[in-house]
């Protein structure tokens, strides 16, 4: 490799060879990335310095990347070379003698000089985005030698963490869209299955599902470890929340925490609907008294006698029943809570939509359907009495299994039939019969 050596005469020769010197420094830093938060420093034969740093930066923050610290009175040329993770590149150069700044392929408006380069040639990135992952090199040519500082920039994205009870004593902990992937552990340990979903650009969602058998475990903790920070999410199995999906127009029964009813003192249902209205139903065992507050929905009742089972019944379920339902139980053995995030499901109405065409006939054809459906027929005059006819029909999902389009014309009649059961199975059965 050709590199210019330092001489005592740094006049015209130094200016002519400055770009070759910068190229030599850049090409001389190939090799594996250094360990995390560490520096590799090496003195070269030109009395210069080569440094590489692994730098981790939080997304949506500001990062300032400094060049090697030198007296700026000795600076000749400062060049930033950036190679992004997608292998695109950008070069920014500042030449001190002419105060000239040159940019090549630099389209990202978030990457700028931190200040005036004649005062400080540091680079600034704001806001930091995941597309800024890459290798950043500052090459400085000075009258005292060549100095290089490289950064392997890793952008960190904190995961969104949640914990939720999905079934009896089964809990799901999620760390969504983290970069890099988070690690999940449980206290106490249970029967767990952990899965990862790669979402591209090193962004990974992690989900861990654990189950604990009946016993002494009353509370569990999900620990999420990540480079952006560690988080702990705890859930009391006696005070739990369940995501419950129920079909509209059916019956739903919401149970309280299972306890011996001989220990019950007070059972209270607190309901907050999706429109933020609320309702409270309370049963006091010693007086057998039931009190309701703001409960106007006649479809919400006790599933049975409250002294036997304080469960709540909703019949028929309506979309207005979306909301949060909480059963608080005060007992002689302690307090227990079971909450439900109720989601009402409404199946979509499905229809069969078919189009039958009789194109470029003279005169216009006539189209009819068997069985009759909800149809719209249109004609398009193409000149010279040539007419195209299109009929579009739809049928509600039900007993219709086959349909026939009948095309009547002076040249002859045709029938086109379609078996909807076969069509549903992606096997079309359409035939044309001339009579």
Protein backbone atom coordinates (compact mmCIF):
# COMPACT_ATOMS: atom_id res chain seq x y z
CA UNK A 1 0.00 0.00 0.00
CA UNK A 2 1.35 3.44 -0.96
CA UNK A 3 1.51 5.91 1.95
CA UNK A 4 3.24 9.26 2.06
CA UNK A 5 5.85 9.58 4.79
CA UNK A 6 6.22 12.65 6.96
CA UNK A 7 9.13 14.94 6.06
CA UNK A 8 10.50 18.11 7.56
CA UNK A 9 9.25 20.10 4.56
CA UNK A 10 5.43 20.12 4.96
CA UNK A 11 4.67 22.80 2.39
CA UNK A 12 3.54 22.00 -1.11
CA UNK A 13 4.39 18.26 -0.78
CA UNK A 14 1.98 17.84 2.18
CA UNK A 15 -0.91 19.51 0.34
CA UNK A 16 -0.41 17.40 -2.80
CA UNK A 17 -0.29 14.14 -0.89
CA UNK A 18 -3.02 14.87 1.71
CA UNK A 19 -5.72 12.79 -0.02
CA UNK A 20 -3.37 9.78 -0.42
CA UNK A 21 -2.56 9.97 3.28
CA UNK A 22 -6.27 9.98 4.22
CA UNK A 23 -6.91 6.96 1.99
CA UNK A 24 -4.04 5.06 3.58
CA UNK A 25 -5.42 5.64 7.08
CA UNK A 26 -8.95 4.49 6.12
CA UNK A 27 -7.77 1.31 4.41
CA UNK A 28 -5.55 0.46 7.33
CA UNK A 29 -8.34 -0.11 9.87
CA UNK A 30 -9.78 -3.38 8.51
CA UNK A 31 -10.34 -6.09 11.06
CA UNK A 32 -12.87 -7.33 13.63
CA UNK A 33 -14.81 -4.92 15.81
CA UNK A 34 -13.36 -4.37 19.31
CA UNK A 35 -15.11 -5.62 22.48
CA UNK A 36 -18.06 -3.63 23.84
CA UNK A 37 -17.15 -0.30 25.48
CA UNK A 38 -13.46 -0.86 24.77
CA UNK A 39 -10.75 0.96 22.80
CA UNK A 40 -8.05 -0.33 20.49
CA UNK A 41 -5.17 2.11 20.14
CA UNK A 42 -2.01 1.62 18.11
CA UNK A 43 0.86 4.02 17.30
CA UNK A 44 1.86 3.93 13.64
CA UNK A 45 5.20 4.67 12.03
CA UNK A 46 4.08 8.16 11.01
CA UNK A 47 3.70 9.29 14.64
CA UNK A 48 -0.10 9.00 14.19
CA UNK A 49 -2.78 7.18 16.15
CA UNK A 50 -5.49 4.68 15.13
CA UNK A 51 -8.45 4.15 17.48
CA UNK A 52 -11.67 2.11 17.16
CA UNK A 53 -14.61 2.37 19.58
CA UNK A 54 -17.79 0.30 19.86
CA UNK A 55 -20.48 2.88 20.63
CA UNK A 56 -24.06 2.01 21.66
CA UNK A 57 -26.62 4.83 21.40
CA UNK A 58 -30.30 4.93 22.34
CA UNK A 59 -32.72 5.56 19.47
CA UNK A 60 -34.30 9.06 19.28
CA UNK A 61 -31.47 10.64 21.27
CA UNK A 62 -28.48 12.76 20.17
CA UNK A 63 -25.02 11.33 19.54
CA UNK A 64 -21.78 13.31 19.14
CA UNK A 65 -18.82 11.48 17.59
CA UNK A 66 -15.48 13.18 18.23
CA UNK A 67 -12.29 13.00 16.22
CA UNK A 68 -8.91 12.32 17.85
CA UNK A 69 -8.04 15.20 20.21
CA UNK A 70 -5.29 17.32 18.59
CA UNK A 71 -4.29 21.00 18.59
CA UNK A 72 -6.40 22.44 15.76
CA UNK A 73 -3.53 24.72 14.84
CA UNK A 74 -1.86 21.64 13.31
CA UNK A 75 -4.93 20.51 11.31
CA UNK A 76 -4.68 20.27 7.53
CA UNK A 77 -7.66 18.08 6.57
CA UNK A 78 -10.48 16.38 8.52
CA UNK A 79 -12.56 13.72 6.75
CA UNK A 80 -15.53 11.70 8.01
CA UNK A 81 -16.21 8.47 6.11
CA UNK A 82 -19.50 6.73 6.99
CA UNK A 83 -20.51 3.23 5.88
CA UNK A 84 -24.09 2.43 6.89
CA UNK A 85 -25.44 -1.06 7.59
CA UNK A 86 -26.98 -1.22 4.10
CA UNK A 87 -23.48 -0.57 2.64
CA UNK A 88 -24.35 2.91 1.40
CA UNK A 89 -21.72 5.52 2.27
CA UNK A 90 -21.28 9.22 2.91
CA UNK A 91 -18.13 11.40 3.08
CA UNK A 92 -17.73 14.81 4.73
CA UNK A 93 -14.41 16.67 4.45
CA UNK A 94 -13.10 19.97 5.82
CA UNK A 95 -9.92 21.57 4.46
CA UNK A 96 -8.53 24.15 6.85
CA UNK A 97 -6.36 26.24 4.51
CA UNK A 98 -9.34 27.07 2.28
CA UNK A 99 -12.09 26.61 4.91
CA UNK A 100 -13.82 24.44 2.32
CA UNK A 101 -16.41 21.79 3.31
CA UNK A 102 -17.25 19.04 0.81
CA UNK A 103 -20.02 16.38 1.13
CA UNK A 104 -20.40 13.30 -1.06
CA UNK A 105 -23.58 11.15 -1.04
CA UNK A 106 -24.69 12.66 2.28
CA UNK A 107 -28.49 12.82 2.11
CA UNK A 108 -29.39 12.22 5.78
CA UNK A 109 -30.34 15.60 7.27
CA UNK A 110 -29.93 14.20 10.78
CA UNK A 111 -26.13 13.91 10.38
CA UNK A 112 -24.34 17.26 10.61
CA UNK A 113 -21.20 18.89 11.96
CA UNK A 114 -21.57 19.28 15.73
CA UNK A 115 -20.32 22.88 15.38
CA UNK A 116 -18.18 24.85 12.97
CA UNK A 117 -15.54 22.34 11.74
CA UNK A 118 -12.73 24.88 12.08
CA UNK A 119 -13.47 24.92 15.81
CA UNK A 120 -14.43 21.25 16.29
CA UNK A 121 -14.73 18.66 13.47
CA UNK A 122 -16.97 16.37 15.56
CA UNK A 123 -20.04 14.77 13.94
CA UNK A 124 -23.56 15.03 15.36
CA UNK A 125 -26.52 12.67 14.79
CA UNK A 126 -29.94 13.91 15.93
CA UNK A 127 -32.29 12.19 16.26
CA UNK A 128 -30.56 8.82 16.19
CA UNK A 129 -32.46 6.26 14.05
CA UNK A 130 -31.94 2.56 13.44
CA UNK A 131 -30.75 3.42 9.93
CA UNK A 132 -27.70 5.07 11.51
CA UNK A 133 -26.15 1.70 12.40
CA UNK A 134 -22.74 1.57 10.75
CA UNK A 135 -19.05 2.44 10.83
CA UNK A 136 -17.97 6.09 11.22
CA UNK A 137 -14.32 7.09 10.72
CA UNK A 138 -12.73 10.48 11.35
CA UNK A 139 -9.38 10.85 9.52
CA UNK A 140 -7.29 13.85 10.49
CA UNK A 141 -4.19 14.89 8.57
CA UNK A 142 -2.03 17.26 10.59
CA UNK A 143 1.46 18.68 10.51
CA UNK A 144 2.26 16.26 13.34
CA UNK A 145 1.02 13.11 11.59
CA UNK A 146 -2.18 11.26 10.76
CA UNK A 147 -4.83 10.44 13.35
CA UNK A 148 -7.87 8.18 12.96
CA UNK A 149 -10.83 7.52 15.26
CA UNK A 150 -13.44 4.97 14.16
CA UNK A 151 -16.82 4.17 15.72
CA UNK A 152 -18.81 0.97 15.26
CA UNK A 153 -22.19 2.59 16.01
CA UNK A 154 -24.95 0.34 17.34
CA UNK A 155 -28.41 1.90 17.75
CA UNK A 156 -30.41 0.50 20.67
CA UNK A 157 -34.23 0.32 20.78
CA UNK A 158 -35.84 -0.42 24.18
CA UNK A 159 -38.53 -3.12 24.00
CA UNK A 160 -42.11 -2.49 25.07
CA UNK A 161 -42.82 -4.84 27.98
CA UNK A 162 -46.14 -6.29 29.13
CA UNK A 163 -47.33 -9.09 31.41
CA UNK A 164 -50.77 -10.69 31.19
CA UNK A 165 -52.61 -13.69 32.56
CA UNK A 166 -54.09 -15.58 29.58
CA UNK A 167 -55.43 -18.68 31.35
CA UNK A 168 -55.56 -20.20 34.83
CA UNK A 169 -52.05 -19.81 36.28
CA UNK A 170 -50.60 -19.23 32.81
CA UNK A 171 -48.84 -15.91 32.27
CA UNK A 172 -47.39 -14.30 29.14
CA UNK A 173 -44.53 -11.81 29.30
CA UNK A 174 -43.62 -9.86 26.16
CA UNK A 175 -40.66 -7.69 25.17
CA UNK A 176 -41.79 -6.23 21.84
CA UNK A 177 -39.65 -4.59 19.14
CA UNK A 178 -36.35 -4.39 20.98
CA UNK A 179 -32.94 -3.96 19.36
CA UNK A 180 -31.12 -6.19 20.00
CA UNK A 181 -33.34 -8.99 21.36
CA UNK A 182 -34.18 -8.87 25.06
CA UNK A 183 -33.71 -11.79 27.45
CA UNK A 184 -36.63 -12.98 29.62
CA UNK A 185 -36.39 -14.96 32.86
CA UNK A 186 -38.94 -15.87 35.55
CA UNK A 187 -39.05 -15.96 39.34
CA UNK A 188 -40.01 -18.55 40.44
CA UNK A 189 -39.27 -20.80 37.51
CA UNK A 190 -42.22 -22.46 35.80
CA UNK A 191 -42.95 -24.52 32.73
CA UNK A 192 -41.98 -21.96 30.12
CA UNK A 193 -41.80 -21.63 26.35
CA UNK A 194 -39.95 -18.63 24.87
CA UNK A 195 -40.19 -17.56 21.23
CA UNK A 196 -38.53 -14.85 19.16
CA UNK A 197 -39.88 -13.05 16.09
CA UNK A 198 -37.37 -11.23 13.86
CA UNK A 199 -38.92 -8.04 12.49
CA UNK A 200 -35.95 -6.90 10.41
CA UNK A 201 -33.12 -4.41 11.07
CA UNK A 202 -32.11 -6.48 14.14
CA UNK A 203 -35.44 -5.60 15.81
CA UNK A 204 -36.79 -8.64 17.66
CA UNK A 205 -39.94 -9.34 19.68
CA UNK A 206 -39.65 -11.93 22.46
CA UNK A 207 -42.58 -13.71 24.12
CA UNK A 208 -42.32 -16.09 27.06
CA UNK A 209 -45.32 -18.13 28.25
CA UNK A 210 -45.15 -19.83 31.65
CA UNK A 211 -47.48 -22.03 33.68
CA UNK A 212 -47.39 -22.89 37.37
CA UNK A 213 -49.26 -25.81 38.92
CA UNK A 214 -51.50 -25.25 41.92
CA UNK A 215 -49.41 -24.93 45.07
CA UNK A 216 -47.55 -22.29 47.02
CA UNK A 217 -46.84 -19.95 44.10
CA UNK A 218 -49.01 -16.86 44.53
CA UNK A 219 -46.94 -14.23 42.72
CA UNK A 220 -44.55 -14.36 39.76
CA UNK A 221 -42.03 -11.92 38.30
CA UNK A 222 -40.90 -11.60 34.69
CA UNK A 223 -37.40 -10.09 34.39
CA UNK A 224 -36.56 -8.48 31.05
CA UNK A 225 -32.84 -7.86 30.46
CA UNK A 226 -31.79 -5.45 27.71
CA UNK A 227 -28.86 -3.17 26.87
CA UNK A 228 -31.15 -0.16 27.35
CA UNK A 229 -31.97 -1.23 30.90
CA UNK A 230 -33.57 -4.05 32.88
CA UNK A 231 -37.22 -4.24 33.86
CA UNK A 232 -39.21 -6.42 36.24
CA UNK A 233 -42.94 -7.02 35.84
CA UNK A 234 -44.78 -8.80 38.65
CA UNK A 235 -48.22 -10.36 38.77
CA UNK A 236 -50.13 -11.60 41.80
CA UNK A 237 -51.90 -14.79 40.79
CA UNK A 238 -54.50 -13.94 43.43
CA UNK A 239 -54.99 -10.51 41.81
CA UNK A 240 -55.06 -11.35 38.16
CA UNK A 241 -56.28 -9.91 34.87
CA UNK A 242 -57.54 -12.08 32.04
CA UNK A 243 -58.08 -11.10 28.43
CA UNK A 244 -61.50 -12.54 27.57
CA UNK A 245 -62.97 -12.54 24.05
CA UNK A 246 -66.70 -13.31 23.76
CA UNK A 247 -68.93 -13.60 20.70
CA UNK A 248 -71.72 -11.05 20.41
CA UNK A 249 -75.27 -12.28 21.16
CA UNK A 250 -74.00 -15.18 23.31
CA UNK A 251 -73.82 -15.64 27.09
CA UNK A 252 -70.72 -14.88 29.16
CA UNK A 253 -70.08 -15.90 32.77
CA UNK A 254 -67.28 -14.10 34.63
CA UNK A 255 -66.08 -15.88 37.76
CA UNK A 256 -64.37 -14.49 40.83
CA UNK A 257 -61.21 -16.01 42.29
CA UNK A 258 -61.95 -19.58 43.45
CA UNK A 259 -62.14 -19.60 47.26
CA UNK A 260 -64.11 -21.52 49.91
CA UNK A 261 -67.29 -19.44 50.23
CA UNK A 262 -67.32 -20.15 53.95
CA UNK A 263 -64.49 -17.59 54.23
CA UNK A 264 -66.26 -14.89 52.18
CA UNK A 265 -67.02 -11.53 53.79
CA UNK A 266 -67.68 -9.20 50.85
CA UNK A 267 -67.73 -9.66 47.05
CA UNK A 268 -67.73 -6.56 44.81
CA UNK A 269 -67.91 -6.30 41.04
CA UNK A 270 -66.58 -3.04 39.59
CA UNK A 271 -67.28 -2.53 35.88
CA UNK A 272 -65.81 0.23 33.68
CA UNK A 273 -67.30 0.18 30.19
CA UNK A 274 -65.51 1.33 27.04
CA UNK A 275 -67.37 4.69 27.16
CA UNK A 276 -65.93 5.21 30.70
CA UNK A 277 -69.30 4.80 32.43
CA UNK A 278 -69.19 2.49 35.45
CA UNK A 279 -71.32 0.13 37.51
CA UNK A 280 -70.77 -1.46 40.93
CA UNK A 281 -72.46 -4.57 42.37
CA UNK A 282 -71.64 -5.62 45.94
CA UNK A 283 -72.76 -8.60 48.02
CA UNK A 284 -72.26 -8.70 51.81
CA UNK A 285 -72.48 -12.21 53.18
CA UNK A 286 -73.31 -11.52 56.85
CA UNK A 287 -76.45 -9.56 55.91
CA UNK A 288 -77.09 -11.24 52.53
CA UNK A 289 -77.47 -7.73 51.19
CA UNK A 290 -76.81 -6.83 47.52
CA UNK A 291 -76.26 -3.21 46.54
CA UNK A 292 -76.05 -1.87 42.97
CA UNK A 293 -74.73 1.55 41.92
CA UNK A 294 -75.30 2.99 38.43
CA UNK A 295 -76.15 -0.48 37.05
CA UNK A 296 -78.80 0.11 34.42
CA UNK A 297 -77.95 -2.67 31.95
CA UNK A 298 -80.54 -5.42 32.46
CA UNK A 299 -78.36 -7.90 30.58
CA UNK A 300 -75.80 -7.94 33.43
CA UNK A 301 -76.96 -10.03 36.38
CA UNK A 302 -75.72 -12.48 38.99
CA UNK A 303 -75.05 -15.88 37.47
CA UNK A 304 -76.82 -17.49 40.45
CA UNK A 305 -77.54 -16.72 44.07
CA UNK A 306 -74.63 -14.57 45.31
CA UNK A 307 -74.24 -16.58 48.54
CA UNK A 308 -73.56 -19.68 46.40
CA UNK A 309 -71.58 -18.15 43.54
CA UNK A 310 -70.74 -14.43 43.15
CA UNK A 311 -70.05 -14.86 39.40
CA UNK A 312 -71.41 -12.30 36.95
CA UNK A 313 -73.53 -13.19 33.90
CA UNK A 314 -73.94 -11.17 30.69
CA UNK A 315 -76.77 -12.25 28.36
CA UNK A 316 -76.99 -11.42 25.56
CA UNK A 317 -73.49 -10.02 25.08
CA UNK A 318 -73.51 -6.69 23.17
CA UNK A 319 -70.69 -4.56 21.82
CA UNK A 320 -71.47 -2.00 24.56
CA UNK A 321 -70.25 -4.60 27.09
CA UNK A 322 -66.60 -4.05 26.07
CA UNK A 323 -64.70 -2.98 29.19
CA UNK A 324 -62.85 -3.92 32.37
CA UNK A 325 -64.63 -6.14 34.93
CA UNK A 326 -63.06 -6.65 38.36
CA UNK A 327 -64.21 -8.95 41.17
CA UNK A 328 -62.75 -8.00 44.57
CA UNK A 329 -63.28 -10.55 47.33
CA UNK A 330 -62.66 -9.85 50.99
CA UNK A 331 -62.31 -13.11 52.96
CA UNK A 332 -61.16 -14.22 56.37
CA UNK A 333 -58.05 -15.62 54.61
CA UNK A 334 -57.14 -12.41 52.78
CA UNK A 335 -58.19 -10.35 49.77
CA UNK A 336 -58.43 -11.74 46.22
CA UNK A 337 -58.98 -9.99 42.89
CA UNK A 338 -59.77 -11.27 39.41
CA UNK A 339 -60.12 -8.83 36.50
CA UNK A 340 -61.29 -9.33 32.95
CA UNK A 341 -60.51 -7.19 29.93
CA UNK A 342 -63.66 -8.11 28.02
CA UNK A 343 -63.54 -7.88 24.23
CA UNK A 344 -66.77 -8.48 22.34
CA UNK A 345 -66.30 -10.11 18.95
CA UNK A 346 -68.64 -9.48 16.01
CA UNK A 347 -68.31 -11.85 13.03
CA UNK A 348 -68.28 -10.09 9.67
CA UNK A 349 -71.19 -10.59 7.32
CA UNK A 350 -70.05 -12.45 4.22
CA UNK A 351 -71.58 -12.29 0.78
CA UNK A 352 -70.96 -13.99 -2.55
CA UNK A 353 -70.23 -11.50 -5.35
CA UNK A 354 -70.15 -12.65 -8.98
CA UNK A 355 -69.97 -10.89 -12.33
CA UNK A 356 -71.29 -12.21 -15.65
CA UNK A 357 -70.33 -10.47 -18.91
CA UNK A 358 -71.65 -10.60 -22.47
CA UNK A 359 -69.05 -8.56 -24.35
CA UNK A 360 -69.34 -6.91 -27.81
CA UNK A 361 -72.69 -8.37 -28.92
CA UNK A 362 -74.92 -6.94 -31.64
CA UNK A 363 -77.62 -6.27 -30.61
CA UNK A 364 -77.30 -6.21 -26.79
CA UNK A 365 -77.67 -9.51 -24.96
CA UNK A 366 -79.98 -10.08 -21.99
CA UNK A 367 -78.62 -11.50 -18.71
CA UNK A 368 -80.59 -13.27 -15.96
CA UNK A 369 -79.59 -15.24 -12.85
CA UNK A 370 -80.74 -18.45 -11.14
CA UNK A 371 -81.37 -18.15 -8.24
CA UNK A 372 -82.13 -14.45 -8.23
CA UNK A 373 -79.80 -12.26 -6.23
CA UNK A 374 -79.22 -8.58 -5.55
CA UNK A 375 -78.05 -7.58 -9.04
CA UNK A 376 -76.86 -4.52 -10.94
CA UNK A 377 -76.69 -4.69 -14.75
CA UNK A 378 -74.91 -2.14 -16.93
CA UNK A 379 -74.53 -1.69 -20.70
CA UNK A 380 -71.67 -0.07 -22.57
CA UNK A 381 -72.33 1.12 -26.16
CA UNK A 382 -69.23 0.56 -28.27
CA UNK A 383 -70.63 1.98 -31.52
CA UNK A 384 -72.25 0.41 -34.57
CA UNK A 385 -74.94 -1.10 -32.30
CA UNK A 386 -72.27 -3.25 -30.60
CA UNK A 387 -72.98 -3.42 -26.88
CA UNK A 388 -71.23 -5.00 -23.91
CA UNK A 389 -73.42 -6.06 -20.96
CA UNK A 390 -72.18 -6.69 -17.41
CA UNK A 391 -74.30 -8.00 -14.55
CA UNK A 392 -72.97 -8.15 -10.98
CA UNK A 393 -74.92 -10.08 -8.31
CA UNK A 394 -74.39 -10.92 -4.68
CA UNK A 395 -76.02 -13.43 -2.36
CA UNK A 396 -75.93 -13.53 1.42
CA UNK A 397 -73.98 -16.46 2.83
CA UNK A 398 -76.50 -19.24 3.34
CA UNK A 399 -78.13 -22.00 1.35
CA UNK A 400 -76.91 -20.86 -2.09
CA UNK A 401 -74.46 -23.49 -3.31
CA UNK A 402 -74.54 -22.93 -7.09
CA UNK A 403 -75.59 -20.11 -9.40
CA UNK A 404 -76.24 -19.86 -13.14
CA UNK A 405 -75.91 -16.83 -15.40
CA UNK A 406 -78.18 -17.11 -18.48
CA UNK A 407 -77.24 -15.01 -21.53
CA UNK A 408 -80.01 -14.59 -24.16
CA UNK A 409 -79.10 -13.39 -27.67
CA UNK A 410 -80.45 -13.66 -31.20
CA UNK A 411 -77.44 -15.78 -32.14
CA UNK A 412 -78.21 -18.29 -29.41
CA UNK A 413 -78.54 -18.69 -25.67
CA UNK A 414 -75.78 -19.63 -23.24
CA UNK A 415 -75.71 -20.69 -19.61
CA UNK A 416 -72.67 -20.29 -17.36
CA UNK A 417 -72.77 -22.07 -14.01
CA UNK A 418 -70.56 -21.83 -10.95
CA UNK A 419 -70.38 -24.28 -8.03
CA UNK A 420 -69.77 -22.03 -5.01
CA UNK A 421 -68.54 -24.90 -2.84
CA UNK A 422 -65.82 -25.74 -5.32
CA UNK A 423 -65.01 -22.08 -5.79
CA UNK A 424 -64.51 -21.76 -2.06
CA UNK A 425 -61.99 -24.59 -2.28
CA UNK A 426 -60.14 -22.72 -5.05
CA UNK A 427 -61.33 -25.22 -7.64
CA UNK A 428 -63.37 -23.36 -10.23
CA UNK A 429 -66.04 -25.23 -12.14
CA UNK A 430 -67.44 -22.97 -14.82
CA UNK A 431 -68.96 -24.42 -17.99
CA UNK A 432 -70.63 -22.93 -21.08
CA UNK A 433 -73.48 -24.77 -22.76
CA UNK A 434 -74.85 -23.62 -26.11
CA UNK A 435 -78.46 -24.41 -26.92
